[in-house]
Amino acid sequence: MATVKLLSDEEVSAEALAVFEDIRATRGTDFINNFWRALAHDPELLESTWARLKMVMGPGELDPLVKEMLYIAVSATNGCEYCIHSHTAAAKSKGMTEAQHGELLSVIGMAAQTNALVTTMQVPVDEAFKA
């Protein structure tokens, strides 16, 4: 259950509605997900978060599917159920196959295991690995 009301288009401010319209135009959909509806209580936070997300997830050196898969990995690490689901859906819409998804989950699981082991054992970083 959300800790804030998820605002409908009719309930948001004009500023928030403008962000919703940009989300719709950018994504080519009428759907505004619950994350944005929750953030709409603070139109300035909504706008700045959307602007940053558009920049980071927009065109760049990394393929859009890779960006979504990275988002899934970080969301899994942070335990964010919402982001795991939303970015898995986004990755699938960008062409992630079931085989790629399975491999991604294997990498996430392996990294979590080896991270825990090396952290628990406090293994010093090899000089050759230091940037």
N, C-alpha and C. Protein backbone atom coordinates (compact mmCIF):
# COMPACT_ATOMS: atom_id res chain seq x y z
N MET A 1 0.84 -1.17 0.00
CA MET A 1 0.00 0.00 0.00
C MET A 1 0.89 1.24 0.00
N ALA A 2 0.56 2.17 -0.85
CA ALA A 2 1.33 3.42 -0.95
C ALA A 2 1.18 4.24 0.31
N THR A 3 2.21 5.00 0.63
CA THR A 3 2.14 5.90 1.78
C THR A 3 1.58 7.26 1.41
N VAL A 4 1.41 7.50 0.11
CA VAL A 4 0.77 8.71 -0.39
C VAL A 4 -0.30 8.31 -1.39
N LYS A 5 -1.28 9.17 -1.56
CA LYS A 5 -2.33 8.90 -2.54
C LYS A 5 -1.73 8.99 -3.94
N LEU A 6 -2.14 8.06 -4.81
CA LEU A 6 -1.73 8.09 -6.21
C LEU A 6 -2.71 9.00 -6.93
N LEU A 7 -2.21 10.14 -7.39
CA LEU A 7 -3.08 11.19 -7.91
C LEU A 7 -3.49 10.92 -9.36
N SER A 8 -4.75 11.13 -9.63
CA SER A 8 -5.27 11.02 -10.99
C SER A 8 -4.94 12.30 -11.75
N ASP A 9 -5.15 12.26 -13.05
CA ASP A 9 -4.92 13.46 -13.87
C ASP A 9 -5.78 14.62 -13.39
N GLU A 10 -6.98 14.32 -12.93
CA GLU A 10 -7.89 15.36 -12.48
C GLU A 10 -7.47 15.97 -11.14
N GLU A 11 -6.64 15.28 -10.38
CA GLU A 11 -6.24 15.75 -9.06
C GLU A 11 -4.90 16.48 -9.03
N VAL A 12 -4.09 16.32 -10.06
CA VAL A 12 -2.75 16.92 -10.03
C VAL A 12 -2.79 18.39 -10.42
N SER A 13 -1.72 19.08 -10.05
CA SER A 13 -1.59 20.49 -10.41
C SER A 13 -1.32 20.62 -11.92
N ALA A 14 -1.42 21.83 -12.41
CA ALA A 14 -1.13 22.09 -13.82
C ALA A 14 0.32 21.74 -14.14
N GLU A 15 1.23 22.02 -13.20
CA GLU A 15 2.65 21.71 -13.40
C GLU A 15 2.87 20.20 -13.52
N ALA A 16 2.24 19.45 -12.64
CA ALA A 16 2.37 18.00 -12.67
C ALA A 16 1.73 17.43 -13.94
N LEU A 17 0.59 17.97 -14.33
CA LEU A 17 -0.08 17.50 -15.53
C LEU A 17 0.80 17.73 -16.77
N ALA A 18 1.53 18.83 -16.79
CA ALA A 18 2.45 19.10 -17.90
C ALA A 18 3.54 18.03 -17.97
N VAL A 19 4.03 17.59 -16.81
CA VAL A 19 5.04 16.51 -16.78
C VAL A 19 4.39 15.22 -17.27
N PHE A 20 3.19 14.94 -16.82
CA PHE A 20 2.49 13.73 -17.30
C PHE A 20 2.36 13.75 -18.82
N GLU A 21 2.04 14.90 -19.37
CA GLU A 21 1.90 14.99 -20.83
C GLU A 21 3.24 14.75 -21.52
N ASP A 22 4.34 15.23 -20.92
CA ASP A 22 5.66 14.98 -21.50
C ASP A 22 6.01 13.49 -21.41
N ILE A 23 5.67 12.86 -20.31
CA ILE A 23 5.89 11.42 -20.17
C ILE A 23 5.12 10.68 -21.27
N ARG A 24 3.88 11.03 -21.45
CA ARG A 24 3.05 10.39 -22.48
C ARG A 24 3.67 10.59 -23.88
N ALA A 25 4.08 11.81 -24.17
CA ALA A 25 4.64 12.11 -25.49
C ALA A 25 5.97 11.38 -25.69
N THR A 26 6.82 11.41 -24.68
CA THR A 26 8.14 10.78 -24.79
C THR A 26 8.02 9.28 -24.95
N ARG A 27 7.13 8.68 -24.19
CA ARG A 27 6.99 7.22 -24.21
C ARG A 27 6.00 6.72 -25.25
N GLY A 28 5.25 7.61 -25.86
CA GLY A 28 4.28 7.21 -26.87
C GLY A 28 3.18 6.35 -26.31
N THR A 29 2.69 6.72 -25.13
CA THR A 29 1.63 5.97 -24.47
C THR A 29 0.76 6.91 -23.66
N ASP A 30 -0.44 6.48 -23.37
CA ASP A 30 -1.32 7.25 -22.48
C ASP A 30 -1.11 6.87 -21.02
N PHE A 31 -0.37 5.79 -20.76
CA PHE A 31 -0.20 5.24 -19.42
C PHE A 31 0.77 6.08 -18.59
N ILE A 32 0.34 6.48 -17.41
CA ILE A 32 1.21 7.12 -16.42
C ILE A 32 1.26 6.17 -15.24
N ASN A 33 2.45 5.67 -14.94
CA ASN A 33 2.54 4.66 -13.88
C ASN A 33 2.47 5.26 -12.48
N ASN A 34 2.32 4.38 -11.52
CA ASN A 34 2.09 4.78 -10.13
C ASN A 34 3.24 5.59 -9.54
N PHE A 35 4.48 5.34 -9.98
CA PHE A 35 5.62 6.10 -9.46
C PHE A 35 5.42 7.59 -9.73
N TRP A 36 5.08 7.92 -10.97
CA TRP A 36 4.88 9.33 -11.32
C TRP A 36 3.65 9.90 -10.62
N ARG A 37 2.63 9.09 -10.46
CA ARG A 37 1.42 9.56 -9.78
C ARG A 37 1.69 9.85 -8.30
N ALA A 38 2.58 9.09 -7.69
CA ALA A 38 2.96 9.36 -6.30
C ALA A 38 3.81 10.62 -6.21
N LEU A 39 4.75 10.78 -7.13
CA LEU A 39 5.61 11.96 -7.12
C LEU A 39 4.86 13.25 -7.43
N ALA A 40 3.68 13.14 -8.03
CA ALA A 40 2.92 14.32 -8.43
C ALA A 40 2.51 15.21 -7.26
N HIS A 41 2.62 14.70 -6.03
CA HIS A 41 2.35 15.55 -4.85
C HIS A 41 3.35 16.69 -4.77
N ASP A 42 4.53 16.48 -5.34
CA ASP A 42 5.59 17.49 -5.34
C ASP A 42 5.99 17.74 -6.79
N PRO A 43 5.31 18.66 -7.47
CA PRO A 43 5.56 18.86 -8.90
C PRO A 43 7.02 19.16 -9.25
N GLU A 44 7.71 19.86 -8.38
CA GLU A 44 9.13 20.15 -8.65
C GLU A 44 9.97 18.88 -8.62
N LEU A 45 9.73 18.01 -7.64
CA LEU A 45 10.43 16.74 -7.57
C LEU A 45 10.06 15.85 -8.75
N LEU A 46 8.78 15.84 -9.10
CA LEU A 46 8.31 15.08 -10.26
C LEU A 46 9.05 15.52 -11.51
N GLU A 47 9.10 16.81 -11.76
CA GLU A 47 9.73 17.34 -12.97
C GLU A 47 11.22 17.06 -12.99
N SER A 48 11.90 17.28 -11.89
CA SER A 48 13.35 17.07 -11.87
C SER A 48 13.71 15.59 -12.00
N THR A 49 12.92 14.73 -11.40
CA THR A 49 13.17 13.29 -11.50
C THR A 49 12.94 12.82 -12.93
N TRP A 50 11.85 13.26 -13.54
CA TRP A 50 11.55 12.90 -14.92
C TRP A 50 12.64 13.41 -15.86
N ALA A 51 13.07 14.66 -15.67
CA ALA A 51 14.10 15.24 -16.54
C ALA A 51 15.40 14.44 -16.44
N ARG A 52 15.79 14.08 -15.24
CA ARG A 52 17.03 13.32 -15.04
C ARG A 52 16.89 11.91 -15.62
N LEU A 53 15.75 11.27 -15.41
CA LEU A 53 15.53 9.93 -15.95
C LEU A 53 15.58 9.95 -17.47
N LYS A 54 14.94 10.95 -18.09
CA LYS A 54 14.97 11.05 -19.56
C LYS A 54 16.40 11.18 -20.06
N MET A 55 17.21 11.96 -19.36
CA MET A 55 18.59 12.15 -19.78
C MET A 55 19.40 10.87 -19.62
N VAL A 56 19.32 10.26 -18.45
CA VAL A 56 20.12 9.07 -18.16
C VAL A 56 19.71 7.88 -19.01
N MET A 57 18.41 7.68 -19.18
CA MET A 57 17.92 6.52 -19.92
C MET A 57 17.78 6.78 -21.41
N GLY A 58 18.03 8.02 -21.83
CA GLY A 58 17.93 8.38 -23.23
C GLY A 58 19.14 7.92 -24.03
N PRO A 59 19.21 8.33 -25.29
CA PRO A 59 20.31 7.91 -26.16
C PRO A 59 21.68 8.24 -25.56
N GLY A 60 22.58 7.31 -25.74
CA GLY A 60 23.95 7.48 -25.24
C GLY A 60 24.83 6.37 -25.76
N GLU A 61 25.93 6.14 -25.10
CA GLU A 61 26.88 5.11 -25.52
C GLU A 61 26.37 3.70 -25.22
N LEU A 62 25.52 3.57 -24.21
CA LEU A 62 24.96 2.26 -23.86
C LEU A 62 23.64 2.05 -24.61
N ASP A 63 23.45 0.85 -25.07
CA ASP A 63 22.21 0.45 -25.73
C ASP A 63 21.04 0.58 -24.74
N PRO A 64 19.86 1.00 -25.19
CA PRO A 64 18.71 1.14 -24.29
C PRO A 64 18.37 -0.15 -23.51
N LEU A 65 18.52 -1.31 -24.14
CA LEU A 65 18.26 -2.56 -23.44
C LEU A 65 19.28 -2.78 -22.33
N VAL A 66 20.54 -2.47 -22.59
CA VAL A 66 21.58 -2.61 -21.56
C VAL A 66 21.25 -1.71 -20.38
N LYS A 67 20.80 -0.49 -20.64
CA LYS A 67 20.45 0.42 -19.56
C LYS A 67 19.33 -0.16 -18.70
N GLU A 68 18.32 -0.73 -19.34
CA GLU A 68 17.21 -1.34 -18.59
C GLU A 68 17.71 -2.52 -17.76
N MET A 69 18.60 -3.32 -18.33
CA MET A 69 19.12 -4.48 -17.60
C MET A 69 19.96 -4.04 -16.41
N LEU A 70 20.72 -2.97 -16.57
CA LEU A 70 21.48 -2.42 -15.44
C LEU A 70 20.52 -1.91 -14.36
N TYR A 71 19.44 -1.28 -14.79
CA TYR A 71 18.44 -0.78 -13.84
C TYR A 71 17.83 -1.94 -13.04
N ILE A 72 17.58 -3.06 -13.72
CA ILE A 72 17.05 -4.24 -13.04
C ILE A 72 18.06 -4.72 -11.99
N ALA A 73 19.33 -4.80 -12.37
CA ALA A 73 20.36 -5.29 -11.45
C ALA A 73 20.47 -4.41 -10.21
N VAL A 74 20.50 -3.11 -10.40
CA VAL A 74 20.60 -2.20 -9.25
C VAL A 74 19.34 -2.27 -8.41
N SER A 75 18.19 -2.37 -9.06
CA SER A 75 16.92 -2.47 -8.33
C SER A 75 16.86 -3.74 -7.50
N ALA A 76 17.38 -4.84 -8.04
CA ALA A 76 17.44 -6.09 -7.28
C ALA A 76 18.36 -5.93 -6.07
N THR A 77 19.49 -5.30 -6.27
CA THR A 77 20.44 -5.07 -5.18
C THR A 77 19.80 -4.22 -4.08
N ASN A 78 19.01 -3.22 -4.49
CA ASN A 78 18.37 -2.33 -3.53
C ASN A 78 17.05 -2.87 -3.00
N GLY A 79 16.60 -4.00 -3.54
CA GLY A 79 15.36 -4.60 -3.07
C GLY A 79 14.11 -3.82 -3.47
N CYS A 80 14.15 -3.13 -4.61
CA CYS A 80 13.01 -2.31 -5.05
C CYS A 80 12.11 -3.14 -5.96
N GLU A 81 11.07 -3.72 -5.37
CA GLU A 81 10.14 -4.55 -6.13
C GLU A 81 9.53 -3.78 -7.29
N TYR A 82 9.11 -2.56 -7.04
CA TYR A 82 8.47 -1.75 -8.08
C TYR A 82 9.40 -1.59 -9.28
N CYS A 83 10.63 -1.18 -9.03
CA CYS A 83 11.57 -0.93 -10.13
C CYS A 83 11.98 -2.22 -10.83
N ILE A 84 12.08 -3.32 -10.09
CA ILE A 84 12.38 -4.61 -10.73
C ILE A 84 11.30 -4.92 -11.76
N HIS A 85 10.05 -4.78 -11.35
CA HIS A 85 8.94 -5.09 -12.25
C HIS A 85 8.85 -4.09 -13.41
N SER A 86 8.93 -2.80 -13.12
CA SER A 86 8.74 -1.81 -14.18
C SER A 86 9.88 -1.87 -15.20
N HIS A 87 11.10 -2.08 -14.74
CA HIS A 87 12.22 -2.10 -15.68
C HIS A 87 12.37 -3.46 -16.37
N THR A 88 11.85 -4.51 -15.76
CA THR A 88 11.79 -5.79 -16.47
C THR A 88 10.81 -5.66 -17.63
N ALA A 89 9.66 -5.03 -17.37
CA ALA A 89 8.69 -4.80 -18.45
C ALA A 89 9.31 -3.92 -19.54
N ALA A 90 10.03 -2.88 -19.14
CA ALA A 90 10.67 -2.00 -20.12
C ALA A 90 11.72 -2.75 -20.92
N ALA A 91 12.52 -3.59 -20.25
CA ALA A 91 13.54 -4.36 -20.96
C ALA A 91 12.91 -5.32 -21.96
N LYS A 92 11.82 -5.95 -21.55
CA LYS A 92 11.12 -6.86 -22.48
C LYS A 92 10.57 -6.08 -23.67
N SER A 93 10.09 -4.88 -23.44
CA SER A 93 9.57 -4.07 -24.55
C SER A 93 10.69 -3.63 -25.48
N LYS A 94 11.93 -3.63 -24.98
CA LYS A 94 13.08 -3.26 -25.80
C LYS A 94 13.77 -4.50 -26.38
N GLY A 95 13.14 -5.67 -26.22
CA GLY A 95 13.65 -6.86 -26.88
C GLY A 95 14.35 -7.89 -26.01
N MET A 96 14.37 -7.70 -24.69
CA MET A 96 15.02 -8.70 -23.84
C MET A 96 14.29 -10.04 -23.97
N THR A 97 15.04 -11.07 -24.29
CA THR A 97 14.47 -12.40 -24.42
C THR A 97 14.43 -13.09 -23.06
N GLU A 98 13.70 -14.21 -23.00
CA GLU A 98 13.68 -14.99 -21.76
C GLU A 98 15.07 -15.51 -21.43
N ALA A 99 15.83 -15.89 -22.46
CA ALA A 99 17.19 -16.38 -22.24
C ALA A 99 18.08 -15.27 -21.68
N GLN A 100 17.96 -14.06 -22.21
CA GLN A 100 18.73 -12.93 -21.68
C GLN A 100 18.33 -12.63 -20.24
N HIS A 101 17.03 -12.68 -19.97
CA HIS A 101 16.54 -12.42 -18.62
C HIS A 101 17.11 -13.45 -17.65
N GLY A 102 17.09 -14.71 -18.05
CA GLY A 102 17.64 -15.76 -17.20
C GLY A 102 19.13 -15.56 -16.95
N GLU A 103 19.85 -15.18 -17.98
CA GLU A 103 21.29 -14.94 -17.82
C GLU A 103 21.53 -13.73 -16.93
N LEU A 104 20.73 -12.69 -17.10
CA LEU A 104 20.84 -11.50 -16.24
C LEU A 104 20.64 -11.89 -14.78
N LEU A 105 19.61 -12.69 -14.51
CA LEU A 105 19.35 -13.12 -13.13
C LEU A 105 20.50 -13.94 -12.59
N SER A 106 21.12 -14.75 -13.43
CA SER A 106 22.29 -15.54 -13.00
C SER A 106 23.46 -14.63 -12.63
N VAL A 107 23.69 -13.60 -13.45
CA VAL A 107 24.78 -12.67 -13.16
C VAL A 107 24.50 -11.91 -11.86
N ILE A 108 23.26 -11.45 -11.69
CA ILE A 108 22.90 -10.73 -10.46
C ILE A 108 23.13 -11.63 -9.25
N GLY A 109 22.66 -12.87 -9.34
CA GLY A 109 22.84 -13.81 -8.22
C GLY A 109 24.30 -14.11 -7.94
N MET A 110 25.09 -14.29 -9.00
CA MET A 110 26.51 -14.58 -8.82
C MET A 110 27.23 -13.40 -8.19
N ALA A 111 26.93 -12.20 -8.68
CA ALA A 111 27.55 -11.00 -8.11
C ALA A 111 27.18 -10.83 -6.64
N ALA A 112 25.93 -11.09 -6.30
CA ALA A 112 25.50 -10.96 -4.91
C ALA A 112 26.27 -11.95 -4.03
N GLN A 113 26.44 -13.18 -4.53
CA GLN A 113 27.14 -14.19 -3.75
C GLN A 113 28.62 -13.84 -3.57
N THR A 114 29.30 -13.50 -4.68
CA THR A 114 30.73 -13.22 -4.55
C THR A 114 30.97 -11.92 -3.80
N ASN A 115 30.07 -10.94 -3.95
CA ASN A 115 30.20 -9.70 -3.17
C ASN A 115 30.11 -10.00 -1.68
N ALA A 116 29.17 -10.84 -1.30
CA ALA A 116 29.01 -11.20 0.12
C ALA A 116 30.24 -11.94 0.63
N LEU A 117 30.76 -12.86 -0.17
CA LEU A 117 31.94 -13.61 0.26
C LEU A 117 33.16 -12.71 0.43
N VAL A 118 33.45 -11.89 -0.56
CA VAL A 118 34.63 -11.04 -0.49
C VAL A 118 34.50 -10.00 0.62
N THR A 119 33.27 -9.51 0.85
CA THR A 119 33.04 -8.54 1.92
C THR A 119 33.22 -9.21 3.28
N THR A 120 32.65 -10.39 3.44
CA THR A 120 32.76 -11.11 4.71
C THR A 120 34.21 -11.45 5.03
N MET A 121 34.96 -11.85 4.00
CA MET A 121 36.37 -12.22 4.21
C MET A 121 37.30 -11.02 4.20
N GLN A 122 36.75 -9.84 3.84
CA GLN A 122 37.54 -8.61 3.78
C GLN A 122 38.79 -8.79 2.93
N VAL A 123 38.63 -9.37 1.76
CA VAL A 123 39.74 -9.60 0.84
C VAL A 123 40.22 -8.26 0.30
N PRO A 124 41.53 -7.98 0.43
CA PRO A 124 42.04 -6.71 -0.08
C PRO A 124 42.03 -6.71 -1.62
N VAL A 125 41.83 -5.53 -2.18
CA VAL A 125 41.81 -5.38 -3.64
C VAL A 125 43.23 -5.54 -4.18
N ASP A 126 43.37 -6.36 -5.22
CA ASP A 126 44.67 -6.54 -5.87
C ASP A 126 45.12 -5.21 -6.44
N GLU A 127 46.41 -4.92 -6.31
CA GLU A 127 46.96 -3.68 -6.86
C GLU A 127 46.68 -3.56 -8.35
N ALA A 128 46.72 -4.68 -9.07
CA ALA A 128 46.50 -4.67 -10.51
C ALA A 128 45.08 -4.22 -10.88
N PHE A 129 44.13 -4.33 -9.95
CA PHE A 129 42.74 -3.95 -10.23
C PHE A 129 42.44 -2.49 -9.92
N LYS A 130 43.29 -1.85 -9.14
CA LYS A 130 42.99 -0.48 -8.71
C LYS A 130 43.14 0.51 -9.86
N ALA A 131 42.14 1.37 -9.96
CA ALA A 131 42.14 2.37 -11.04
C ALA A 131 43.08 3.50 -10.71
